Amino acid sequence: MSFNTPLIEWIGYVGSVIVAVSLTMSSIKKLRWYNLVGAAVFSFYGFAIGALPVGLLNLFISLADIYYLFKMYSYQESFKSIQVTGNDSYLNYFIGFYQREISEFFPNFNSSILTEKEVFALLLLRNEAVAGVFIGIKENKTLIIQLDFVTAVYRDLKPGNFIYKKNIDQIKEQGINHITCKTDNKFHQKYLLKMRFEATTVNSDIFQKNI
């Protein structure tokens, strides 16, 4: 490959790279989107060079991606959060199983807090599958978030919208009217802002939300 490579070959390379990148996506939805773009580009390339098998195969892949993306966006998902105690066996198993990932987003999380009296813990179900956990410590009328984690395949804004918006009454019922979270993770900070938290003026790593 050189700068003298014809434009059509560059298009083929671009399509191949996008398809390859799609296979690295942990989110099925992102995988479908990247794969759709890559397959569409590669389909154009196939037809342009007269390679009908390449063009037709990737056209079929593009149509399949469109079909499944349509199903994903039109499917009505079900969410439910179940309050559990800190010594719940499944809660502890889940945290232990995903400990490495949890430590990336919540490096200061320590499972020993589960033994504290004022712990508030939820198992988050998405279409009957456990998608994540939500854990906080109650101090008067404030809930201090210790862990808000979902597995990679479910890592979009829907779980957060359910916890912090649609199902916020479950937290209010605990006598909570204020939620805080401390994090220096830039991705988590962006997530909190989308959940309508605000950075405090005292410490930019502490975010709060009135409910």
N, C-alpha and C. Protein backbone atom coordinates (compact mmCIF):
# COMPACT_ATOMS: atom_id res chain seq x y z
N MET A 1 0.85 -1.18 0.00
CA MET A 1 0.00 0.00 0.00
C MET A 1 0.88 1.24 0.00
N SER A 2 0.60 2.18 -0.91
CA SER A 2 1.39 3.40 -1.03
C SER A 2 0.47 4.55 -1.37
N PHE A 3 1.06 5.74 -1.46
CA PHE A 3 0.27 6.92 -1.78
C PHE A 3 -0.20 6.90 -3.23
N ASN A 4 0.36 5.99 -4.04
CA ASN A 4 -0.06 5.87 -5.43
C ASN A 4 -1.19 4.86 -5.60
N THR A 5 -1.64 4.29 -4.48
CA THR A 5 -2.72 3.31 -4.52
C THR A 5 -4.00 3.98 -5.02
N PRO A 6 -4.69 3.36 -5.99
CA PRO A 6 -5.94 3.94 -6.50
C PRO A 6 -6.96 4.15 -5.38
N LEU A 7 -7.82 5.16 -5.56
CA LEU A 7 -8.82 5.49 -4.55
C LEU A 7 -9.71 4.31 -4.20
N ILE A 8 -10.09 3.52 -5.19
CA ILE A 8 -10.99 2.40 -4.94
C ILE A 8 -10.37 1.38 -3.99
N GLU A 9 -9.03 1.22 -4.07
CA GLU A 9 -8.37 0.29 -3.15
C GLU A 9 -8.37 0.84 -1.74
N TRP A 10 -8.21 2.16 -1.61
CA TRP A 10 -8.27 2.78 -0.30
C TRP A 10 -9.65 2.55 0.34
N ILE A 11 -10.70 2.63 -0.49
CA ILE A 11 -12.05 2.37 0.00
C ILE A 11 -12.16 0.95 0.54
N GLY A 12 -11.54 0.01 -0.18
CA GLY A 12 -11.55 -1.38 0.28
C GLY A 12 -10.83 -1.55 1.61
N TYR A 13 -9.69 -0.87 1.74
CA TYR A 13 -8.94 -0.94 3.01
C TYR A 13 -9.75 -0.35 4.16
N VAL A 14 -10.41 0.79 3.88
CA VAL A 14 -11.21 1.44 4.92
C VAL A 14 -12.34 0.51 5.37
N GLY A 15 -13.02 -0.11 4.41
CA GLY A 15 -14.10 -1.04 4.76
C GLY A 15 -13.60 -2.20 5.59
N SER A 16 -12.45 -2.74 5.23
CA SER A 16 -11.88 -3.86 5.98
C SER A 16 -11.54 -3.47 7.41
N VAL A 17 -10.95 -2.27 7.57
CA VAL A 17 -10.57 -1.80 8.91
C VAL A 17 -11.80 -1.61 9.78
N ILE A 18 -12.85 -1.01 9.22
CA ILE A 18 -14.07 -0.77 10.01
C ILE A 18 -14.71 -2.08 10.44
N VAL A 19 -14.75 -3.06 9.54
CA VAL A 19 -15.29 -4.38 9.89
C VAL A 19 -14.47 -5.02 10.99
N ALA A 20 -13.14 -4.89 10.89
CA ALA A 20 -12.26 -5.46 11.91
C ALA A 20 -12.48 -4.78 13.26
N VAL A 21 -12.61 -3.45 13.24
CA VAL A 21 -12.83 -2.71 14.48
C VAL A 21 -14.16 -3.12 15.12
N SER A 22 -15.17 -3.39 14.29
CA SER A 22 -16.49 -3.77 14.82
C SER A 22 -16.40 -5.02 15.69
N LEU A 23 -15.47 -5.90 15.37
CA LEU A 23 -15.34 -7.15 16.13
C LEU A 23 -14.72 -6.94 17.49
N THR A 24 -14.20 -5.74 17.76
CA THR A 24 -13.62 -5.46 19.07
C THR A 24 -14.64 -4.82 20.01
N MET A 25 -15.83 -4.50 19.51
CA MET A 25 -16.85 -3.85 20.32
C MET A 25 -17.46 -4.81 21.33
N SER A 26 -17.50 -4.42 22.59
CA SER A 26 -18.14 -5.26 23.61
C SER A 26 -19.65 -5.07 23.60
N SER A 27 -20.10 -3.90 23.14
CA SER A 27 -21.53 -3.63 23.03
C SER A 27 -22.06 -4.18 21.71
N ILE A 28 -23.12 -4.99 21.78
CA ILE A 28 -23.69 -5.57 20.57
C ILE A 28 -24.23 -4.49 19.64
N LYS A 29 -24.80 -3.44 20.23
CA LYS A 29 -25.35 -2.37 19.41
C LYS A 29 -24.24 -1.64 18.64
N LYS A 30 -23.14 -1.33 19.33
CA LYS A 30 -22.01 -0.69 18.66
C LYS A 30 -21.42 -1.61 17.60
N LEU A 31 -21.33 -2.90 17.91
CA LEU A 31 -20.80 -3.86 16.94
C LEU A 31 -21.64 -3.82 15.66
N ARG A 32 -22.96 -3.82 15.82
CA ARG A 32 -23.85 -3.80 14.65
C ARG A 32 -23.67 -2.52 13.83
N TRP A 33 -23.54 -1.37 14.52
CA TRP A 33 -23.38 -0.10 13.80
C TRP A 33 -22.07 -0.06 13.02
N TYR A 34 -20.98 -0.42 13.68
CA TYR A 34 -19.68 -0.42 13.00
C TYR A 34 -19.68 -1.44 11.86
N ASN A 35 -20.25 -2.61 12.12
CA ASN A 35 -20.27 -3.65 11.10
C ASN A 35 -21.11 -3.23 9.91
N LEU A 36 -22.20 -2.50 10.18
CA LEU A 36 -23.05 -2.00 9.10
C LEU A 36 -22.28 -1.04 8.20
N VAL A 37 -21.58 -0.09 8.79
CA VAL A 37 -20.81 0.88 8.00
C VAL A 37 -19.70 0.18 7.22
N GLY A 38 -18.97 -0.71 7.90
CA GLY A 38 -17.88 -1.41 7.25
C GLY A 38 -18.35 -2.28 6.10
N ALA A 39 -19.45 -3.02 6.34
CA ALA A 39 -19.98 -3.90 5.29
C ALA A 39 -20.52 -3.10 4.11
N ALA A 40 -21.14 -1.94 4.39
CA ALA A 40 -21.66 -1.10 3.31
C ALA A 40 -20.53 -0.56 2.44
N VAL A 41 -19.46 -0.11 3.09
CA VAL A 41 -18.29 0.39 2.34
C VAL A 41 -17.67 -0.74 1.52
N PHE A 42 -17.54 -1.92 2.14
CA PHE A 42 -16.91 -3.04 1.45
C PHE A 42 -17.81 -3.57 0.33
N SER A 43 -19.13 -3.44 0.51
CA SER A 43 -20.06 -3.84 -0.55
C SER A 43 -19.89 -2.93 -1.76
N PHE A 44 -19.80 -1.62 -1.51
CA PHE A 44 -19.57 -0.66 -2.59
C PHE A 44 -18.27 -1.00 -3.32
N TYR A 45 -17.24 -1.31 -2.53
CA TYR A 45 -15.94 -1.66 -3.10
C TYR A 45 -16.07 -2.89 -4.00
N GLY A 46 -16.79 -3.92 -3.51
CA GLY A 46 -16.94 -5.15 -4.29
C GLY A 46 -17.63 -4.90 -5.62
N PHE A 47 -18.72 -4.14 -5.60
CA PHE A 47 -19.43 -3.85 -6.85
C PHE A 47 -18.58 -2.98 -7.78
N ALA A 48 -17.81 -2.04 -7.18
CA ALA A 48 -17.01 -1.12 -7.98
C ALA A 48 -15.91 -1.83 -8.75
N ILE A 49 -15.34 -2.89 -8.18
CA ILE A 49 -14.26 -3.60 -8.88
C ILE A 49 -14.78 -4.81 -9.65
N GLY A 50 -16.11 -4.98 -9.64
CA GLY A 50 -16.71 -6.08 -10.38
C GLY A 50 -16.65 -7.42 -9.67
N ALA A 51 -16.37 -7.39 -8.37
CA ALA A 51 -16.32 -8.64 -7.58
C ALA A 51 -17.71 -8.85 -6.98
N LEU A 52 -18.61 -9.45 -7.75
CA LEU A 52 -20.00 -9.60 -7.30
C LEU A 52 -20.14 -10.40 -6.01
N PRO A 53 -19.39 -11.50 -5.82
CA PRO A 53 -19.53 -12.23 -4.55
C PRO A 53 -19.23 -11.35 -3.33
N VAL A 54 -18.19 -10.51 -3.43
CA VAL A 54 -17.84 -9.61 -2.33
C VAL A 54 -18.93 -8.57 -2.13
N GLY A 55 -19.41 -7.98 -3.22
CA GLY A 55 -20.44 -6.96 -3.12
C GLY A 55 -21.74 -7.51 -2.57
N LEU A 56 -22.19 -8.67 -3.08
CA LEU A 56 -23.45 -9.25 -2.64
C LEU A 56 -23.39 -9.74 -1.19
N LEU A 57 -22.27 -10.37 -0.82
CA LEU A 57 -22.14 -10.86 0.55
C LEU A 57 -22.22 -9.71 1.54
N ASN A 58 -21.49 -8.64 1.28
CA ASN A 58 -21.48 -7.52 2.21
C ASN A 58 -22.78 -6.72 2.16
N LEU A 59 -23.47 -6.74 1.02
CA LEU A 59 -24.80 -6.13 0.96
C LEU A 59 -25.75 -6.90 1.86
N PHE A 60 -25.66 -8.22 1.83
CA PHE A 60 -26.49 -9.06 2.70
C PHE A 60 -26.18 -8.78 4.17
N ILE A 61 -24.88 -8.66 4.51
CA ILE A 61 -24.48 -8.37 5.89
C ILE A 61 -25.04 -7.02 6.33
N SER A 62 -24.98 -6.03 5.43
CA SER A 62 -25.51 -4.69 5.74
C SER A 62 -27.01 -4.75 6.04
N LEU A 63 -27.74 -5.49 5.21
CA LEU A 63 -29.19 -5.62 5.41
C LEU A 63 -29.50 -6.35 6.71
N ALA A 64 -28.68 -7.37 7.04
CA ALA A 64 -28.88 -8.10 8.29
C ALA A 64 -28.63 -7.19 9.49
N ASP A 65 -27.59 -6.35 9.40
CA ASP A 65 -27.30 -5.41 10.49
C ASP A 65 -28.45 -4.42 10.66
N ILE A 66 -28.99 -3.91 9.55
CA ILE A 66 -30.12 -2.98 9.61
C ILE A 66 -31.32 -3.64 10.29
N TYR A 67 -31.58 -4.89 9.92
CA TYR A 67 -32.71 -5.63 10.49
C TYR A 67 -32.58 -5.78 12.00
N TYR A 68 -31.38 -6.18 12.46
CA TYR A 68 -31.19 -6.40 13.89
C TYR A 68 -31.12 -5.09 14.67
N LEU A 69 -30.59 -4.04 14.05
CA LEU A 69 -30.59 -2.72 14.71
C LEU A 69 -32.02 -2.21 14.88
N PHE A 70 -32.84 -2.44 13.87
CA PHE A 70 -34.24 -2.05 13.95
C PHE A 70 -34.93 -2.79 15.10
N LYS A 71 -34.65 -4.08 15.24
CA LYS A 71 -35.23 -4.86 16.33
C LYS A 71 -34.75 -4.35 17.68
N MET A 72 -33.46 -4.00 17.78
CA MET A 72 -32.91 -3.50 19.04
C MET A 72 -33.57 -2.20 19.47
N TYR A 73 -33.76 -1.28 18.51
CA TYR A 73 -34.30 0.03 18.85
C TYR A 73 -35.81 0.00 19.06
N SER A 74 -36.49 -0.98 18.46
CA SER A 74 -37.95 -1.04 18.61
C SER A 74 -38.36 -1.96 19.75
N TYR A 75 -37.42 -2.76 20.26
CA TYR A 75 -37.74 -3.71 21.33
C TYR A 75 -37.96 -2.98 22.66
N GLN A 76 -39.06 -3.30 23.32
CA GLN A 76 -39.37 -2.70 24.61
C GLN A 76 -38.73 -3.51 25.72
N GLU A 77 -37.65 -2.97 26.29
CA GLU A 77 -36.93 -3.69 27.33
C GLU A 77 -37.61 -3.51 28.68
N SER A 78 -37.39 -4.51 29.54
CA SER A 78 -37.95 -4.49 30.88
C SER A 78 -36.84 -4.32 31.91
N PHE A 79 -37.03 -3.37 32.83
CA PHE A 79 -36.07 -3.15 33.90
C PHE A 79 -36.74 -3.35 35.25
N LYS A 80 -35.98 -3.87 36.18
CA LYS A 80 -36.47 -4.03 37.55
C LYS A 80 -35.27 -4.01 38.48
N SER A 81 -35.43 -3.35 39.63
CA SER A 81 -34.36 -3.34 40.62
C SER A 81 -34.88 -3.99 41.90
N ILE A 82 -34.10 -4.90 42.44
CA ILE A 82 -34.48 -5.65 43.63
C ILE A 82 -33.54 -5.27 44.76
N GLN A 83 -34.12 -4.77 45.85
CA GLN A 83 -33.30 -4.42 47.01
C GLN A 83 -32.89 -5.69 47.75
N VAL A 84 -31.60 -5.78 48.06
CA VAL A 84 -31.07 -6.94 48.77
C VAL A 84 -30.23 -6.47 49.95
N THR A 85 -29.95 -7.38 50.85
CA THR A 85 -29.09 -7.05 51.98
C THR A 85 -27.62 -7.18 51.57
N GLY A 86 -26.75 -6.63 52.38
CA GLY A 86 -25.32 -6.67 52.07
C GLY A 86 -24.74 -8.07 52.07
N ASN A 87 -25.39 -9.02 52.76
CA ASN A 87 -24.87 -10.38 52.80
C ASN A 87 -25.56 -11.30 51.79
N ASP A 88 -26.30 -10.71 50.85
CA ASP A 88 -26.96 -11.51 49.82
C ASP A 88 -25.91 -12.29 49.03
N SER A 89 -26.13 -13.58 48.87
CA SER A 89 -25.12 -14.45 48.25
C SER A 89 -24.88 -14.12 46.79
N TYR A 90 -25.95 -13.79 46.05
CA TYR A 90 -25.75 -13.48 44.63
C TYR A 90 -25.04 -12.15 44.45
N LEU A 91 -25.40 -11.16 45.30
CA LEU A 91 -24.73 -9.86 45.25
C LEU A 91 -23.23 -10.03 45.43
N ASN A 92 -22.83 -10.80 46.43
CA ASN A 92 -21.41 -11.01 46.70
C ASN A 92 -20.73 -11.81 45.59
N TYR A 93 -21.45 -12.77 45.02
CA TYR A 93 -20.89 -13.54 43.90
C TYR A 93 -20.65 -12.62 42.70
N PHE A 94 -21.63 -11.78 42.39
CA PHE A 94 -21.53 -10.86 41.25
C PHE A 94 -20.34 -9.93 41.42
N ILE A 95 -20.21 -9.34 42.60
CA ILE A 95 -19.10 -8.42 42.86
C ILE A 95 -17.76 -9.13 42.74
N GLY A 96 -17.68 -10.35 43.26
CA GLY A 96 -16.43 -11.10 43.17
C GLY A 96 -16.09 -11.48 41.75
N PHE A 97 -17.11 -11.85 40.97
CA PHE A 97 -16.88 -12.27 39.58
C PHE A 97 -16.37 -11.11 38.72
N TYR A 98 -16.90 -9.91 38.95
CA TYR A 98 -16.53 -8.74 38.13
C TYR A 98 -15.55 -7.81 38.87
N GLN A 99 -14.85 -8.34 39.83
CA GLN A 99 -13.97 -7.52 40.66
C GLN A 99 -12.95 -6.73 39.85
N ARG A 100 -12.36 -7.35 38.84
CA ARG A 100 -11.33 -6.66 38.05
C ARG A 100 -11.92 -5.46 37.31
N GLU A 101 -13.08 -5.65 36.68
CA GLU A 101 -13.72 -4.54 35.97
C GLU A 101 -14.18 -3.46 36.94
N ILE A 102 -14.73 -3.88 38.06
CA ILE A 102 -15.20 -2.93 39.05
C ILE A 102 -14.06 -2.04 39.54
N SER A 103 -12.90 -2.62 39.75
CA SER A 103 -11.76 -1.85 40.25
C SER A 103 -11.28 -0.81 39.24
N GLU A 104 -11.57 -1.01 37.94
CA GLU A 104 -11.18 -0.03 36.93
C GLU A 104 -12.02 1.25 37.06
N PHE A 105 -13.30 1.09 37.36
CA PHE A 105 -14.20 2.25 37.45
C PHE A 105 -14.35 2.76 38.88
N PHE A 106 -14.23 1.84 39.84
CA PHE A 106 -14.38 2.21 41.25
C PHE A 106 -13.19 1.65 42.04
N PRO A 107 -12.00 2.22 41.85
CA PRO A 107 -10.80 1.68 42.49
C PRO A 107 -10.84 1.73 44.02
N ASN A 108 -11.67 2.59 44.58
CA ASN A 108 -11.74 2.71 46.04
C ASN A 108 -12.84 1.86 46.65
N PHE A 109 -13.55 1.12 45.81
CA PHE A 109 -14.64 0.31 46.36
C PHE A 109 -14.08 -0.87 47.16
N ASN A 110 -14.64 -1.05 48.33
CA ASN A 110 -14.24 -2.15 49.21
C ASN A 110 -15.50 -2.89 49.64
N SER A 111 -15.55 -4.18 49.34
CA SER A 111 -16.75 -4.96 49.63
C SER A 111 -17.06 -5.06 51.12
N SER A 112 -16.12 -4.64 51.97
CA SER A 112 -16.37 -4.69 53.41
C SER A 112 -17.51 -3.76 53.82
N ILE A 113 -17.84 -2.77 52.97
CA ILE A 113 -18.93 -1.85 53.31
C ILE A 113 -20.27 -2.58 53.33
N LEU A 114 -20.33 -3.75 52.71
CA LEU A 114 -21.58 -4.50 52.65
C LEU A 114 -22.04 -4.94 54.04
N THR A 115 -21.13 -4.93 55.00
CA THR A 115 -21.49 -5.34 56.36
C THR A 115 -22.00 -4.16 57.19
N GLU A 116 -21.93 -2.94 56.62
CA GLU A 116 -22.39 -1.78 57.36
C GLU A 116 -23.91 -1.75 57.47
N LYS A 117 -24.39 -1.22 58.56
CA LYS A 117 -25.82 -1.23 58.86
C LYS A 117 -26.62 -0.42 57.86
N GLU A 118 -26.08 0.71 57.40
CA GLU A 118 -26.84 1.62 56.55
C GLU A 118 -26.59 1.40 55.06
N VAL A 119 -26.16 0.21 54.67
CA VAL A 119 -25.92 -0.07 53.25
C VAL A 119 -27.26 -0.20 52.52
N PHE A 120 -27.30 0.36 51.30
CA PHE A 120 -28.47 0.24 50.44
C PHE A 120 -28.00 -0.40 49.14
N ALA A 121 -28.49 -1.60 48.85
CA ALA A 121 -27.99 -2.36 47.69
C ALA A 121 -29.13 -2.81 46.80
N LEU A 122 -28.91 -2.68 45.49
CA LEU A 122 -29.89 -3.11 44.51
C LEU A 122 -29.24 -4.02 43.47
N LEU A 123 -29.95 -5.06 43.08
CA LEU A 123 -29.60 -5.85 41.90
C LEU A 123 -30.44 -5.31 40.76
N LEU A 124 -29.82 -4.94 39.65
CA LEU A 124 -30.54 -4.38 38.51
C LEU A 124 -30.76 -5.46 37.46
N LEU A 125 -32.03 -5.72 37.16
CA LEU A 125 -32.38 -6.73 36.16
C LEU A 125 -32.79 -6.04 34.86
N ARG A 126 -32.29 -6.59 33.77
CA ARG A 126 -32.66 -6.09 32.44
C ARG A 126 -33.15 -7.28 31.62
N ASN A 127 -34.42 -7.28 31.33
CA ASN A 127 -35.04 -8.43 30.65
C ASN A 127 -34.77 -9.73 31.41
N GLU A 128 -34.93 -9.67 32.73
CA GLU A 128 -34.82 -10.81 33.64
C GLU A 128 -33.38 -11.28 33.88
N ALA A 129 -32.41 -10.65 33.25
CA ALA A 129 -31.00 -11.00 33.47
C ALA A 129 -30.38 -9.94 34.38
N VAL A 130 -29.53 -10.36 35.32
CA VAL A 130 -28.87 -9.40 36.21
C VAL A 130 -27.83 -8.64 35.40
N ALA A 131 -28.06 -7.33 35.24
CA ALA A 131 -27.19 -6.50 34.42
C ALA A 131 -26.17 -5.74 35.24
N GLY A 132 -26.47 -5.50 36.54
CA GLY A 132 -25.53 -4.72 37.34
C GLY A 132 -25.96 -4.61 38.78
N VAL A 133 -25.18 -3.85 39.53
CA VAL A 133 -25.46 -3.63 40.95
C VAL A 133 -25.33 -2.15 41.27
N PHE A 134 -26.08 -1.72 42.28
CA PHE A 134 -26.05 -0.35 42.74
C PHE A 134 -25.95 -0.39 44.25
N ILE A 135 -24.91 0.24 44.82
CA ILE A 135 -24.69 0.19 46.26
C ILE A 135 -24.37 1.59 46.79
N GLY A 136 -25.02 1.94 47.88
CA GLY A 136 -24.76 3.22 48.52
C GLY A 136 -24.83 3.08 50.03
N ILE A 137 -24.31 4.09 50.70
CA ILE A 137 -24.37 4.15 52.16
C ILE A 137 -25.25 5.33 52.55
N LYS A 138 -26.23 5.07 53.42
CA LYS A 138 -27.15 6.12 53.84
C LYS A 138 -26.56 6.88 55.04
N GLU A 139 -26.51 8.18 54.90
CA GLU A 139 -26.10 9.06 56.00
C GLU A 139 -27.15 10.14 56.13
N ASN A 140 -27.99 9.99 57.16
CA ASN A 140 -29.14 10.88 57.33
C ASN A 140 -30.02 10.80 56.08
N LYS A 141 -30.18 11.89 55.36
CA LYS A 141 -31.02 11.87 54.16
C LYS A 141 -30.20 11.88 52.86
N THR A 142 -28.92 11.54 53.00
CA THR A 142 -28.02 11.51 51.85
C THR A 142 -27.59 10.07 51.55
N LEU A 143 -27.58 9.72 50.27
CA LEU A 143 -27.09 8.42 49.83
C LEU A 143 -25.75 8.63 49.15
N ILE A 144 -24.68 8.04 49.70
CA ILE A 144 -23.34 8.17 49.13
C ILE A 144 -23.07 6.94 48.28
N ILE A 145 -22.98 7.13 46.99
CA ILE A 145 -22.80 6.01 46.07
C ILE A 145 -21.42 5.40 46.24
N GLN A 146 -21.39 4.09 46.43
CA GLN A 146 -20.14 3.35 46.52
C GLN A 146 -19.86 2.55 45.25
N LEU A 147 -20.93 2.12 44.59
CA LEU A 147 -20.77 1.30 43.39
C LEU A 147 -22.01 1.44 42.52
N ASP A 148 -21.80 1.73 41.24
CA ASP A 148 -22.87 1.81 40.25
C ASP A 148 -22.31 1.16 38.99
N PHE A 149 -22.46 -0.15 38.91
CA PHE A 149 -21.74 -0.92 37.88
C PHE A 149 -22.69 -1.80 37.11
N VAL A 150 -22.55 -1.80 35.77
CA VAL A 150 -23.26 -2.74 34.91
C VAL A 150 -22.24 -3.44 34.01
N THR A 151 -22.56 -4.64 33.60
CA THR A 151 -21.65 -5.41 32.75
C THR A 151 -21.56 -4.76 31.36
N ALA A 152 -20.48 -5.07 30.66
CA ALA A 152 -20.17 -4.39 29.40
C ALA A 152 -21.29 -4.45 28.37
N VAL A 153 -21.93 -5.59 28.25
CA VAL A 153 -22.96 -5.75 27.21
C VAL A 153 -24.16 -4.85 27.46
N TYR A 154 -24.37 -4.43 28.72
CA TYR A 154 -25.50 -3.57 29.06
C TYR A 154 -25.07 -2.13 29.34
N ARG A 155 -23.84 -1.78 28.97
CA ARG A 155 -23.28 -0.49 29.36
C ARG A 155 -23.72 0.63 28.42
N ASP A 156 -24.96 1.06 28.61
CA ASP A 156 -25.46 2.25 27.91
C ASP A 156 -26.15 3.12 28.97
N LEU A 157 -26.93 4.08 28.55
CA LEU A 157 -27.54 4.99 29.51
C LEU A 157 -28.86 4.47 30.10
N LYS A 158 -29.38 3.38 29.56
CA LYS A 158 -30.69 2.90 30.01
C LYS A 158 -30.71 2.47 31.48
N PRO A 159 -29.71 1.71 31.97
CA PRO A 159 -29.73 1.35 33.40
C PRO A 159 -29.71 2.59 34.30
N GLY A 160 -28.88 3.57 33.96
CA GLY A 160 -28.80 4.79 34.75
C GLY A 160 -30.10 5.58 34.72
N ASN A 161 -30.71 5.67 33.54
CA ASN A 161 -31.99 6.37 33.42
C ASN A 161 -33.06 5.70 34.27
N PHE A 162 -32.98 4.39 34.38
CA PHE A 162 -33.96 3.66 35.19
C PHE A 162 -33.74 3.95 36.67
N ILE A 163 -32.48 3.82 37.13
CA ILE A 163 -32.17 4.01 38.55
C ILE A 163 -32.42 5.45 39.00
N TYR A 164 -31.89 6.41 38.24
CA TYR A 164 -31.89 7.80 38.69
C TYR A 164 -33.10 8.62 38.24
N LYS A 165 -33.89 8.08 37.32
CA LYS A 165 -35.02 8.87 36.83
C LYS A 165 -36.35 8.11 36.95
N LYS A 166 -36.50 7.05 36.18
CA LYS A 166 -37.78 6.35 36.14
C LYS A 166 -38.13 5.66 37.46
N ASN A 167 -37.12 5.15 38.15
CA ASN A 167 -37.38 4.38 39.37
C ASN A 167 -36.82 5.08 40.61
N ILE A 168 -36.69 6.40 40.54
CA ILE A 168 -36.07 7.15 41.62
C ILE A 168 -36.86 7.06 42.92
N ASP A 169 -38.16 6.73 42.83
CA ASP A 169 -38.98 6.62 44.05
C ASP A 169 -38.48 5.51 44.97
N GLN A 170 -37.84 4.50 44.40
CA GLN A 170 -37.31 3.42 45.24
C GLN A 170 -36.23 3.94 46.18
N ILE A 171 -35.50 4.94 45.74
CA ILE A 171 -34.49 5.57 46.60
C ILE A 171 -35.15 6.56 47.55
N LYS A 172 -36.13 7.31 47.06
CA LYS A 172 -36.84 8.28 47.90
C LYS A 172 -37.51 7.59 49.08
N GLU A 173 -37.99 6.37 48.86
CA GLU A 173 -38.68 5.64 49.92
C GLU A 173 -37.77 5.32 51.11
N GLN A 174 -36.47 5.44 50.89
CA GLN A 174 -35.51 5.22 51.98
C GLN A 174 -35.32 6.48 52.82
N GLY A 175 -36.09 7.53 52.52
CA GLY A 175 -35.94 8.80 53.22
C GLY A 175 -34.80 9.63 52.65
N ILE A 176 -34.35 9.27 51.45
CA ILE A 176 -33.24 9.95 50.79
C ILE A 176 -33.76 11.11 49.94
N ASN A 177 -33.11 12.25 50.03
CA ASN A 177 -33.45 13.36 49.14
C ASN A 177 -32.21 13.97 48.48
N HIS A 178 -31.07 13.29 48.67
CA HIS A 178 -29.81 13.82 48.16
C HIS A 178 -28.87 12.65 47.87
N ILE A 179 -28.28 12.63 46.67
CA ILE A 179 -27.34 11.56 46.29
C ILE A 179 -26.01 12.20 45.94
N THR A 180 -24.93 11.62 46.44
CA THR A 180 -23.59 12.12 46.11
C THR A 180 -22.71 10.98 45.62
N CYS A 181 -21.73 11.33 44.82
CA CYS A 181 -20.77 10.35 44.31
C CYS A 181 -19.43 11.03 44.09
N LYS A 182 -18.36 10.41 44.56
CA LYS A 182 -17.02 10.94 44.35
C LYS A 182 -16.28 10.07 43.34
N THR A 183 -15.80 10.68 42.27
CA THR A 183 -15.06 9.94 41.25
C THR A 183 -14.15 10.89 40.47
N ASP A 184 -12.96 10.40 40.12
CA ASP A 184 -12.06 11.17 39.26
C ASP A 184 -11.96 10.53 37.87
N ASN A 185 -12.80 9.50 37.64
CA ASN A 185 -12.86 8.84 36.34
C ASN A 185 -13.66 9.72 35.37
N LYS A 186 -13.02 10.20 34.30
CA LYS A 186 -13.66 11.14 33.39
C LYS A 186 -14.90 10.56 32.72
N PHE A 187 -14.86 9.26 32.39
CA PHE A 187 -16.02 8.63 31.76
C PHE A 187 -17.19 8.56 32.74
N HIS A 188 -16.87 8.24 33.99
CA HIS A 188 -17.93 8.16 34.99
C HIS A 188 -18.49 9.55 35.29
N GLN A 189 -17.63 10.56 35.27
CA GLN A 189 -18.09 11.92 35.50
C GLN A 189 -19.07 12.36 34.40
N LYS A 190 -18.76 12.03 33.15
CA LYS A 190 -19.66 12.36 32.04
C LYS A 190 -21.00 11.66 32.20
N TYR A 191 -20.92 10.40 32.67
CA TYR A 191 -22.14 9.62 32.90
C TYR A 191 -23.00 10.28 33.97
N LEU A 192 -22.38 10.72 35.06
CA LEU A 192 -23.12 11.36 36.14
C LEU A 192 -23.78 12.66 35.67
N LEU A 193 -23.08 13.42 34.86
CA LEU A 193 -23.65 14.65 34.34
C LEU A 193 -24.89 14.37 33.48
N LYS A 194 -24.84 13.27 32.72
CA LYS A 194 -25.99 12.88 31.91
C LYS A 194 -27.15 12.42 32.78
N MET A 195 -26.82 11.94 33.98
CA MET A 195 -27.85 11.54 34.94
C MET A 195 -28.32 12.72 35.79
N ARG A 196 -27.94 13.94 35.37
CA ARG A 196 -28.36 15.20 35.99
C ARG A 196 -27.74 15.42 37.37
N PHE A 197 -26.55 14.89 37.58
CA PHE A 197 -25.76 15.26 38.74
C PHE A 197 -25.05 16.58 38.42
N GLU A 198 -24.60 17.24 39.46
CA GLU A 198 -23.84 18.47 39.28
C GLU A 198 -22.55 18.40 40.08
N ALA A 199 -21.47 18.90 39.50
CA ALA A 199 -20.19 18.94 40.23
C ALA A 199 -20.27 20.00 41.32
N THR A 200 -19.75 19.68 42.49
CA THR A 200 -19.79 20.62 43.60
C THR A 200 -18.69 21.67 43.43
N THR A 201 -18.90 22.81 44.02
CA THR A 201 -17.90 23.88 43.94
C THR A 201 -16.74 23.62 44.90
N VAL A 202 -16.98 22.82 45.93
CA VAL A 202 -15.94 22.52 46.92
C VAL A 202 -14.90 21.58 46.35
N ASN A 203 -15.38 20.55 45.64
CA ASN A 203 -14.49 19.53 45.07
C ASN A 203 -15.06 19.09 43.74
N SER A 204 -14.32 19.29 42.66
CA SER A 204 -14.81 18.97 41.31
C SER A 204 -14.95 17.47 41.08
N ASP A 205 -14.43 16.64 42.00
CA ASP A 205 -14.57 15.19 41.88
C ASP A 205 -15.79 14.67 42.62
N ILE A 206 -16.51 15.56 43.30
CA ILE A 206 -17.71 15.16 44.02
C ILE A 206 -18.94 15.69 43.27
N PHE A 207 -19.85 14.77 42.95
CA PHE A 207 -21.04 15.12 42.22
C PHE A 207 -22.28 14.88 43.09
N GLN A 208 -23.28 15.70 42.92
CA GLN A 208 -24.47 15.58 43.74
C GLN A 208 -25.74 15.73 42.91
N LYS A 209 -26.81 15.16 43.45
CA LYS A 209 -28.11 15.21 42.77
C LYS A 209 -29.21 15.29 43.82
N ASN A 210 -30.05 16.28 43.71
CA ASN A 210 -31.21 16.41 44.58
C ASN A 210 -32.38 15.65 43.98
N ILE A 211 -33.11 14.92 44.80
CA ILE A 211 -34.23 14.14 44.27
C ILE A 211 -35.53 14.49 45.02
